[in-house]
Protein backbone atom coordinates (compact mmCIF):
# COMPACT_ATOMS: atom_id res chain seq x y z
CA MET A 1 -17.14 19.78 21.90
CA ASP A 2 -16.42 16.26 23.12
CA ALA A 3 -17.12 13.12 21.09
CA HIS A 4 -20.33 12.34 23.00
CA ALA A 5 -21.85 15.78 22.43
CA ALA A 6 -20.93 15.71 18.75
CA SER A 7 -22.51 12.29 18.33
CA GLN A 8 -25.78 13.61 19.73
CA ILE A 9 -25.94 16.36 17.10
CA LEU A 10 -24.61 14.19 14.27
CA PRO A 11 -25.78 10.66 15.10
CA GLY A 12 -24.00 7.94 13.14
CA VAL A 13 -21.42 10.38 11.77
CA ARG A 14 -17.78 10.24 12.80
CA ARG A 15 -16.94 13.77 14.00
CA LEU A 16 -13.18 14.16 13.72
CA ASN A 17 -10.93 16.48 15.67
CA PRO A 18 -10.06 19.77 13.92
CA ARG A 19 -6.39 19.03 14.52
CA PHE A 20 -5.04 15.57 15.18
CA ALA A 21 -3.75 15.10 18.71
CA LYS A 22 -2.95 11.42 19.25
CA ALA A 23 -1.55 8.60 17.15
CA LEU A 24 -1.29 4.91 18.03
CA ILE A 25 1.85 3.32 16.58
CA LEU A 26 2.14 -0.43 16.07
CA GLU A 27 4.72 -2.85 14.61
CA ASN A 28 7.76 -0.70 15.35
CA PRO A 29 8.15 1.69 12.40
CA ASP A 30 11.31 3.82 12.54
CA PRO A 31 11.56 5.87 15.79
CA SER A 32 12.03 9.08 13.79
CA LEU A 33 8.29 8.91 13.08
CA ASP A 34 7.61 9.89 16.70
CA THR A 35 9.76 13.00 16.35
CA TYR A 36 8.05 14.04 13.12
CA LEU A 37 4.62 13.64 14.73
CA ARG A 38 5.54 15.64 17.84
CA GLU A 39 6.73 18.46 15.58
CA GLN A 40 3.16 18.54 14.21
CA GLY A 41 1.62 18.60 17.69
CA ILE A 42 0.58 14.94 17.53
CA GLU A 43 1.46 12.81 20.56
CA PRO A 44 2.71 9.34 19.54
CA ASP A 45 1.50 6.39 21.60
CA ARG A 46 3.94 3.64 20.60
CA LEU A 47 3.24 0.08 21.69
CA PRO A 48 5.95 -2.62 21.76
CA GLU A 49 6.03 -4.98 18.79
CA SER A 50 4.70 -7.79 20.97
CA ALA A 51 1.49 -5.80 21.54
CA THR A 52 0.26 -6.71 18.07
CA LEU A 53 -0.32 -10.25 19.33
CA ASP A 54 -2.89 -8.90 21.79
CA VAL A 55 -5.69 -7.66 19.54
CA GLU A 56 -8.01 -7.06 22.47
CA GLY A 57 -5.32 -4.98 24.13
CA VAL A 58 -4.92 -2.81 21.03
CA ILE A 59 -8.68 -2.33 20.84
CA ARG A 60 -8.80 -1.29 24.51
CA ARG A 61 -5.95 1.16 23.93
CA LEU A 62 -7.87 2.77 21.07
CA GLN A 63 -11.07 2.90 23.10
CA GLU A 64 -9.34 4.56 26.02
CA GLY A 65 -7.14 6.90 23.99
CA GLN A 66 -9.56 7.80 21.18
CA HIS A 67 -6.63 8.21 18.82
CA ASP A 68 -6.94 10.23 15.62
CA LEU A 69 -4.49 8.14 13.60
CA LEU A 70 -3.25 4.56 13.56
CA PHE A 71 0.24 3.90 12.18
CA LYS A 72 1.29 0.35 11.37
CA ARG A 73 3.32 -1.79 9.02
CA SER A 74 2.09 -4.91 7.27
CA ARG A 75 1.15 -7.55 9.86
CA PHE A 76 -1.46 -6.31 12.34
CA LEU A 77 -4.96 -6.84 10.96
CA VAL A 78 -7.17 -3.75 11.03
CA ASP A 79 -10.74 -5.04 11.01
CA GLU A 80 -14.09 -3.46 11.83
CA ARG A 81 -13.63 -3.84 15.60
CA VAL A 82 -10.34 -1.96 15.43
CA VAL A 83 -11.85 0.80 13.29
CA GLN A 84 -14.81 1.19 15.64
CA ALA A 85 -12.65 1.31 18.77
CA SER A 86 -11.86 5.02 18.33
CA SER A 87 -14.69 7.28 17.18
CA ARG A 88 -12.03 9.91 16.37
CA LEU A 89 -10.00 7.70 14.05
CA ALA A 90 -9.52 9.58 10.77
CA ALA A 91 -7.01 7.38 8.96
CA VAL A 92 -4.93 4.24 9.03
CA MET A 93 -1.40 5.22 8.00
CA LEU A 94 0.56 2.32 6.53
CA CYS A 95 4.33 2.49 6.91
CA CYS A 96 4.68 0.18 3.91
CA ILE A 97 3.23 -0.37 0.44
CA GLY A 98 0.93 -3.34 1.01
CA ASP A 99 -2.62 -2.78 2.25
CA ASP A 100 -3.66 -6.44 2.50
CA SER A 101 -3.79 -6.23 6.31
CA VAL A 102 -6.54 -3.59 6.34
CA ASP A 103 -10.26 -4.25 5.91
CA LYS A 104 -10.81 -1.40 3.48
CA GLU A 105 -14.55 -1.98 3.28
CA ALA A 106 -14.84 -1.57 7.06
CA CYS A 107 -12.80 1.62 6.91
CA ALA A 108 -15.01 2.96 4.12
CA ARG A 109 -18.18 2.20 6.07
CA HIS A 110 -16.91 4.33 8.94
CA GLY A 111 -15.36 7.16 6.93
CA VAL A 112 -11.78 6.20 7.77
CA LEU A 113 -9.18 6.73 5.03
CA VAL A 114 -6.23 4.41 4.42
CA MET A 115 -2.90 5.80 3.18
CA ASN A 116 0.38 4.07 2.43
CA ASP A 117 3.89 4.78 1.18
CA PRO A 118 4.32 3.48 -2.37
CA VAL A 119 7.79 4.93 -2.98
CA SER A 120 10.23 4.92 -0.08
CA ASN A 121 11.19 1.25 0.01
CA SER A 122 11.63 0.87 -3.75
CA ARG A 123 15.43 1.00 -3.81
CA SER A 124 15.75 -1.60 -1.06
CA VAL A 125 13.48 -4.02 -2.90
CA VAL A 126 15.24 -3.47 -6.23
CA GLU A 127 18.67 -4.13 -4.75
CA MET A 128 17.46 -7.35 -3.12
CA VAL A 129 15.93 -8.54 -6.39
CA PHE A 130 19.23 -8.12 -8.22
CA GLY A 131 21.20 -9.63 -5.38
CA GLU A 132 19.00 -12.71 -5.63
CA MET A 133 19.21 -12.78 -9.41
CA ILE A 134 23.00 -12.77 -9.32
CA CYS A 135 23.19 -15.36 -6.54
CA LEU A 136 20.82 -17.68 -8.38
CA ALA A 137 22.37 -17.14 -11.80
CA ARG A 138 25.86 -17.92 -10.45
CA ARG A 139 24.62 -20.67 -8.08
CA ILE A 140 26.31 -18.91 -5.17
CA PHE A 141 23.97 -20.42 -2.58
CA TYR A 142 24.78 -23.92 -3.81
CA ALA A 143 28.51 -23.20 -3.77
CA HIS A 144 28.23 -21.89 -0.22
CA ASP A 145 26.36 -24.97 0.97
CA ALA A 146 28.89 -27.24 -0.74
CA GLY A 147 31.77 -25.37 0.84
CA ARG A 148 30.29 -25.88 4.29
CA ARG A 149 30.41 -29.61 3.51
CA HIS A 150 34.10 -29.28 2.49
CA LEU A 151 33.26 -29.77 -1.21
CA TRP A 152 35.10 -27.85 -3.97
CA THR A 153 32.51 -27.31 -6.74
CA LYS A 154 34.41 -25.14 -9.20
CA ASP A 155 32.73 -25.42 -12.60
CA ASN A 156 30.63 -23.29 -14.96
CA ARG A 157 27.67 -25.64 -15.17
CA GLN A 158 24.39 -23.65 -15.06
CA ARG A 159 26.23 -20.48 -14.08
CA TYR A 160 25.33 -17.36 -16.08
CA GLU A 161 26.01 -13.66 -16.47
CA LEU A 162 23.09 -11.23 -16.47
CA LYS A 163 24.45 -9.38 -19.50
CA GLY A 164 22.62 -10.33 -22.66
CA LYS A 165 19.79 -12.10 -20.85
CA THR A 166 16.12 -11.11 -21.04
CA ILE A 167 14.13 -10.01 -18.01
CA SER A 168 10.33 -9.91 -17.85
CA ILE A 169 9.01 -7.44 -15.30
CA ILE A 170 5.40 -8.08 -14.37
CA GLY A 171 4.08 -4.80 -12.96
CA LEU A 172 5.74 -1.56 -14.09
CA GLY A 173 5.08 0.61 -11.05
CA ASN A 174 7.67 2.45 -8.95
CA ILE A 175 9.65 -0.70 -8.19
CA GLY A 176 9.17 -2.27 -11.61
CA LYS A 177 10.54 0.80 -13.39
CA GLN A 178 13.63 0.84 -11.18
CA VAL A 179 14.18 -2.87 -11.82
CA ALA A 180 14.02 -2.15 -15.56
CA GLN A 181 16.51 0.70 -15.30
CA MET A 182 18.96 -1.40 -13.29
CA ALA A 183 18.51 -4.32 -15.68
CA GLU A 184 19.55 -2.04 -18.55
CA ALA A 185 22.67 -1.10 -16.59
CA PHE A 186 23.51 -4.82 -16.44
CA GLY A 187 23.08 -5.07 -20.21
CA MET A 188 19.82 -7.02 -20.07
CA GLU A 189 16.97 -6.84 -22.58
CA VAL A 190 13.85 -5.55 -20.81
CA TYR A 191 10.33 -6.88 -21.37
CA PHE A 192 7.36 -5.90 -19.23
CA TYR A 193 3.68 -6.61 -18.71
CA ASP A 194 1.24 -4.16 -17.13
CA LYS A 195 -2.49 -3.62 -17.65
CA SER A 196 -2.18 0.11 -17.00
CA GLU A 197 -2.27 2.17 -20.19
CA LEU A 198 -0.06 4.82 -18.57
CA ALA A 199 2.51 2.23 -17.48
CA ARG A 200 2.59 0.76 -20.98
CA GLU A 201 3.08 4.20 -22.48
CA VAL A 202 5.95 4.94 -20.09
CA GLY A 203 7.60 1.59 -20.77
CA VAL A 204 7.38 1.88 -24.54
CA THR A 205 8.67 5.47 -24.40
CA LEU A 206 11.72 4.17 -22.54
CA GLU A 207 12.15 1.57 -25.31
CA TRP A 208 11.27 -1.46 -23.20
CA LYS A 209 9.30 -4.19 -24.94
CA ALA A 210 5.65 -4.50 -23.92
CA CYS A 211 4.17 -7.99 -23.61
CA ARG A 212 0.54 -8.48 -24.58
CA SER A 213 -0.16 -11.10 -21.93
CA LEU A 214 1.21 -12.80 -18.84
CA THR A 215 1.82 -15.87 -20.96
CA GLU A 216 4.05 -13.91 -23.33
CA ALA A 217 5.92 -12.31 -20.42
CA PHE A 218 6.81 -15.72 -19.01
CA ARG A 219 7.72 -17.09 -22.43
CA VAL A 220 10.27 -14.40 -23.34
CA GLY A 221 12.06 -14.00 -20.01
CA ASP A 222 15.26 -15.67 -18.85
CA PHE A 223 14.35 -14.00 -15.57
CA VAL A 224 10.78 -13.22 -14.50
CA THR A 225 10.21 -10.90 -11.54
CA LEU A 226 6.86 -9.93 -10.00
CA HIS A 227 6.04 -6.38 -8.92
CA LEU A 228 2.24 -6.45 -8.92
CA SER A 229 -0.04 -4.76 -6.42
CA ALA A 230 -2.95 -6.51 -4.73
CA GLU A 231 -5.35 -5.25 -7.41
CA ASP A 232 -5.13 -4.34 -11.08
CA PRO A 233 -5.92 -0.80 -12.38
CA GLN A 234 -9.61 -1.74 -12.68
CA GLY A 235 -9.76 -2.77 -9.02
CA MET A 236 -9.88 -6.51 -9.73
CA SER A 237 -7.97 -8.80 -7.38
CA ASN A 238 -4.66 -10.20 -8.55
CA ARG A 239 -5.04 -13.22 -6.27
CA GLU A 240 -3.68 -16.36 -7.98
CA ILE A 241 -3.45 -14.51 -11.28
CA ILE A 242 -0.40 -16.64 -12.12
CA THR A 243 -0.84 -20.37 -12.67
CA TYR A 244 1.24 -23.45 -13.43
CA GLU A 245 0.66 -22.83 -17.14
CA HIS A 246 2.43 -19.48 -16.84
CA PHE A 247 5.41 -21.02 -15.05
CA ARG A 248 5.53 -23.70 -17.75
CA GLN A 249 6.17 -21.00 -20.37
CA LEU A 250 9.62 -20.34 -18.91
CA SER A 251 10.87 -23.45 -20.71
CA ALA A 252 8.70 -23.12 -23.84
CA ASP A 253 10.89 -20.94 -26.08
CA ARG A 254 14.03 -20.34 -24.03
CA PRO A 255 17.31 -21.99 -25.05
CA ALA A 256 18.57 -24.94 -23.04
CA ASN A 257 21.13 -22.78 -21.24
CA SER A 258 18.61 -20.14 -20.08
CA PRO A 259 18.71 -19.38 -16.32
CA ARG A 260 14.88 -19.70 -16.22
CA THR A 261 14.71 -17.90 -12.88
CA PHE A 262 11.62 -16.61 -11.05
CA ILE A 263 11.60 -13.92 -8.35
CA ASN A 264 8.70 -12.76 -6.17
CA ALA A 265 9.16 -9.81 -3.83
CA ALA A 266 5.64 -8.45 -4.36
CA ARG A 267 2.66 -10.37 -2.95
CA GLY A 268 2.44 -13.91 -1.61
CA PHE A 269 -1.02 -14.66 -3.00
CA LEU A 270 -0.31 -13.99 -6.68
CA TYR A 271 0.04 -17.74 -7.31
CA ARG A 272 -0.20 -21.00 -5.38
CA PRO A 273 3.11 -22.27 -3.98
CA GLU A 274 2.12 -25.73 -5.25
CA ASP A 275 2.18 -24.45 -8.83
CA LEU A 276 5.69 -23.03 -8.51
CA LYS A 277 6.95 -26.22 -6.84
CA ARG A 278 5.43 -28.34 -9.59
CA ALA A 279 7.01 -26.16 -12.29
CA ILE A 280 10.41 -26.65 -10.64
CA GLN A 281 9.93 -30.40 -10.29
CA ASP A 282 8.90 -30.61 -13.96
CA GLY A 283 12.02 -28.71 -15.04
CA HIS A 284 10.32 -25.55 -16.33
CA VAL A 285 11.83 -23.29 -13.64
CA ARG A 286 15.49 -23.79 -12.67
CA ALA A 287 15.56 -21.56 -9.60
CA ALA A 288 13.39 -19.13 -7.66
CA ALA A 289 13.65 -16.56 -4.88
CA VAL A 290 10.56 -15.90 -2.76
CA ASP A 291 10.27 -13.12 -0.17
CA VAL A 292 6.48 -13.14 0.33
CA PHE A 293 4.02 -15.89 1.17
CA PRO A 294 0.26 -16.53 1.18
CA ASP A 295 0.40 -17.02 4.95
CA GLU A 296 2.91 -15.09 7.02
CA PRO A 297 3.33 -15.18 10.80
CA GLY A 298 2.33 -12.18 12.89
CA SER A 299 5.67 -12.15 14.72
CA PRO A 300 9.00 -14.01 14.74
CA HIS A 301 7.68 -16.07 17.65
CA ASP A 302 4.67 -17.50 15.79
CA ASP A 303 4.73 -20.96 14.23
CA TRP A 304 5.16 -20.94 10.47
CA GLN A 305 5.36 -23.60 7.79
CA ASN A 306 7.59 -22.66 4.85
CA PRO A 307 5.85 -24.12 1.77
CA TYR A 308 9.21 -24.37 -0.02
CA ALA A 309 11.21 -25.97 2.78
CA ASP A 310 11.60 -29.20 0.81
CA VAL A 311 12.62 -27.56 -2.49
CA ASP A 312 16.35 -26.86 -2.82
CA ALA A 313 15.86 -24.73 -5.94
CA VAL A 314 13.87 -22.09 -4.03
CA ILE A 315 15.58 -19.65 -1.69
CA THR A 316 13.27 -17.94 0.77
CA THR A 317 13.54 -14.79 2.85
CA PRO A 318 11.12 -13.57 5.56
CA HIS A 319 9.54 -10.58 3.76
CA ILE A 320 12.65 -8.41 4.12
CA GLY A 321 12.52 -6.59 0.78
CA ALA A 322 12.03 -3.24 2.53
CA ALA A 323 13.81 -4.15 5.76
CA THR A 324 16.92 -2.00 5.48
CA GLN A 325 18.48 0.64 7.70
CA GLU A 326 17.92 3.19 4.92
CA ALA A 327 14.35 2.41 3.84
CA GLN A 328 12.67 2.61 7.23
CA PRO A 329 13.69 6.23 8.01
CA ARG A 330 12.62 7.22 4.48
CA ILE A 331 9.24 5.61 5.05
CA ALA A 332 8.84 7.44 8.37
CA ALA A 333 9.63 10.78 6.73
CA HIS A 334 7.27 10.15 3.81
CA VAL A 335 4.34 9.00 5.93
CA ALA A 336 4.90 11.92 8.30
CA GLY A 337 4.75 14.25 5.30
CA THR A 338 1.48 12.67 4.21
CA THR A 339 0.18 13.15 7.76
CA ARG A 340 1.19 16.81 7.78
CA MET A 341 -0.67 17.53 4.54
CA PHE A 342 -3.75 15.72 5.84
CA ASN A 343 -3.60 17.37 9.27
CA LEU A 344 -2.99 20.96 8.18
CA TYR A 345 -4.91 21.15 4.91
CA GLY A 346 -7.07 18.05 4.58
CA THR A 347 -5.03 17.06 1.53
CA VAL A 348 -5.05 13.33 0.82
CA ARG A 349 -2.21 11.66 -1.04
CA ASP A 350 -1.23 8.01 -1.38
CA THR A 351 -4.65 6.73 -0.37
CA VAL A 352 -4.99 3.09 -1.31
CA PHE A 353 -8.57 3.91 -2.31
CA SER A 354 -7.24 5.88 -5.30
CA PRO A 355 -3.49 5.40 -5.82
CA ARG A 356 -1.34 8.07 -7.44
CA ARG A 357 -3.96 10.76 -6.83
CA VAL A 358 -3.69 13.90 -4.72
CA ILE A 359 -6.98 15.29 -3.44
CA GLY A 360 -6.73 18.80 -2.04
CA VAL A 361 -7.30 22.51 -2.55
CA SER A 362 -4.82 25.32 -3.20
CA ALA A 363 -6.85 28.29 -1.95
CA ASP A 364 -4.91 31.10 -0.30
CA PRO A 365 -5.27 30.99 3.50
CA PRO A 366 -6.73 31.95 5.82
CA TYR A 367 -9.89 29.93 5.29
CA TRP A 368 -11.94 27.19 6.91
CA ALA A 369 -11.70 23.65 5.57
CA LEU A 370 -14.64 21.26 5.56
CA ALA A 371 -13.57 17.68 4.83
CA VAL A 372 -16.22 15.00 4.37
CA VAL A 373 -16.05 11.28 3.67
CA HIS A 374 -19.43 10.33 2.25
CA SER A 375 -21.37 7.84 0.18
CA ASP A 376 -21.00 8.15 -3.58
CA ARG A 377 -24.75 7.80 -3.97
CA ARG A 378 -26.35 10.35 -6.28
CA GLY A 379 -27.32 13.54 -4.43
CA THR A 380 -24.84 13.30 -1.56
CA LYS A 381 -22.31 15.70 -3.05
CA LYS A 382 -25.15 18.12 -3.91
CA ALA A 383 -26.34 18.03 -0.30
CA ILE A 384 -22.87 19.07 0.88
CA ASP A 385 -22.71 21.94 -1.61
CA ASP A 386 -26.25 23.01 -0.70
CA GLY A 387 -25.40 22.83 2.99
CA ILE A 388 -22.49 25.21 2.52
CA TYR A 389 -24.63 27.58 0.45
CA GLU A 390 -27.58 27.55 2.84
CA ALA A 391 -25.25 28.26 5.75
CA GLY A 392 -24.31 31.51 4.04
CA ALA A 393 -20.71 30.41 3.46
CA SER A 394 -18.81 30.95 0.23
CA ASN A 395 -17.10 27.91 -1.26
CA LEU A 396 -13.74 29.34 -2.30
CA GLN A 397 -12.46 26.10 -3.79
CA SER A 398 -13.21 22.42 -3.56
CA SER A 399 -11.81 19.06 -4.59
CA HIS A 400 -13.70 15.80 -4.88
CA ARG A 401 -12.83 12.19 -5.65
CA ASP A 402 -15.07 9.14 -5.85
CA PHE A 403 -13.80 5.73 -4.76
CA PRO A 404 -16.41 3.68 -6.65
CA LYS A 405 -15.20 0.25 -5.64
CA LEU A 406 -15.83 1.14 -1.99
CA GLY A 407 -18.93 3.24 -2.61
CA ILE A 408 -17.56 6.37 -0.94
CA ALA A 409 -15.99 9.71 -1.86
CA TYR A 410 -13.75 12.34 -0.27
CA ASP A 411 -14.73 15.99 -0.44
CA ILE A 412 -12.53 18.88 0.75
CA ASN A 413 -13.87 22.45 0.63
CA ALA A 414 -12.20 25.78 1.36
CA ILE A 415 -14.93 28.05 2.79
CA ASP A 416 -14.92 31.54 4.24
CA ARG A 417 -16.70 30.68 7.49
CA PRO A 418 -17.35 27.55 9.52
CA LEU A 419 -20.68 25.77 9.63
CA THR A 420 -22.36 25.50 13.01
CA ASP A 421 -23.21 22.11 14.47
CA GLU A 422 -26.86 22.71 13.60
CA GLN A 423 -25.95 23.55 10.00
CA LEU A 424 -23.79 20.44 9.76
CA ALA A 425 -26.66 18.37 11.16
CA ALA A 426 -29.01 19.84 8.53
CA MET A 427 -26.49 18.99 5.81
CA VAL A 428 -26.26 15.39 7.04
CA GLU A 429 -30.04 15.04 7.19
CA ARG A 430 -30.45 16.43 3.68
CA ALA A 431 -27.76 14.11 2.31
CA CYS A 432 -29.53 11.10 3.78
CA GLN A 433 -32.88 12.21 2.36
CA ILE A 434 -31.65 13.00 -1.16
CA SER A 435 -29.47 9.92 -1.54
CA GLY A 436 -31.75 7.48 0.23
CA ASP A 437 -28.70 6.29 2.16
CA PRO A 438 -29.03 6.58 5.96
CA THR A 439 -25.22 6.52 6.18
CA ALA A 440 -24.64 9.06 3.40
CA ILE A 441 -22.19 11.07 5.52
CA ARG A 442 -19.52 8.89 7.15
CA SER A 443 -17.16 11.42 8.73
CA ILE A 444 -16.79 15.19 9.03
CA ARG A 445 -13.81 17.34 9.92
CA GLN A 446 -13.86 21.14 10.03
CA PHE A 447 -10.80 23.22 10.84
CA ARG A 448 -9.09 26.56 10.31
CA VAL A 449 -6.24 26.89 7.79
CA GLU A 450 -3.98 29.78 8.68
CA ALA A 451 -1.48 31.63 6.53
CA ALA A 452 2.10 30.48 7.03
CA THR A 453 4.21 32.70 9.26
CA GLY A 454 7.93 33.27 9.30
């Protein structure tokens, strides 16, 4: 059934292809991604990196191609117009960690999932963080600049080893934990701050010292490094969570010869650049390395104003924490694996709607899978279960997860027979009636799961 016919039976509901056939690829993720997708029967439609500057062109491409998936990195903005351009779009697949470039509310309204890769670039980021720490602690950048001016600046003034110093890691996720482990290898004393109860438990178990507040984390660290996500575990924004008063703590209790160094390779909006600059000018922070910014250009050709251009104590890099020859192929392989699980079984992992969760079933094939993105309003889930029952199908196994911040849920059911279009339409109608939400069902995908052969 084509998209138009499906829309007539299920008006307002995104009817997804049983198997994904086409993927639009933006922002030049590793070319191996194309090979992985073709192996799954998905045809990659890769646009040149310059195409991201032409938003209207991308929208037209989606409208004409009716792609099932959209792969991108961190720059191109996915807004409601982009989401609406393909009525078959099932997911935005991020070849990166950050999801700031996606309008998640718009995706939720249209039943489009958003998945990322929270693990594959970790090593690259960690190595860059320590490279910057060493360069700043030993004033290597200053020595290099002096040498280019034919100056011989051999002295030990404000040059430090990492061994014996304290490091405060703000955010103990995948990257934060690896930073802590590497810091131990350098002989550093590890402190951390994280609101997540699980992260705190892990950190304490590994004998790292937990800080009770951001203020304490800044006060105890010779080095402070940020590894926060866009939101905290409760879904609250981390925007400008760090202030001048936090930076000021770097000089509160540290000895006079402390490196007092700040590193940010996480998010550009966690603090205002003006606050960091002021803390440096006031002598609270000796040096800083910044890889991310509140405003970043869409391409190397766009105009950009570096907020730290006039501050010698801050070294800046153009968001290259994950930009290594090794990380990008790993990301392609990981995201392709996520795609395979979603395509073949309806299993969702690494969704930014519910990080660190896997939503799927483990029923023995063959069976039919019914995957639904729906409102989390009371009665909607019951309408889906009732629809399966009233169709005479047996629900062999199901998995369900609410995404309360976005007001939606994902439901995957292993059933012994498919529902007809009329039965699906009845299920949608009942869900709308029971929940009182005319958009109770956002998207539906029904497909056959076969037993593996060979």
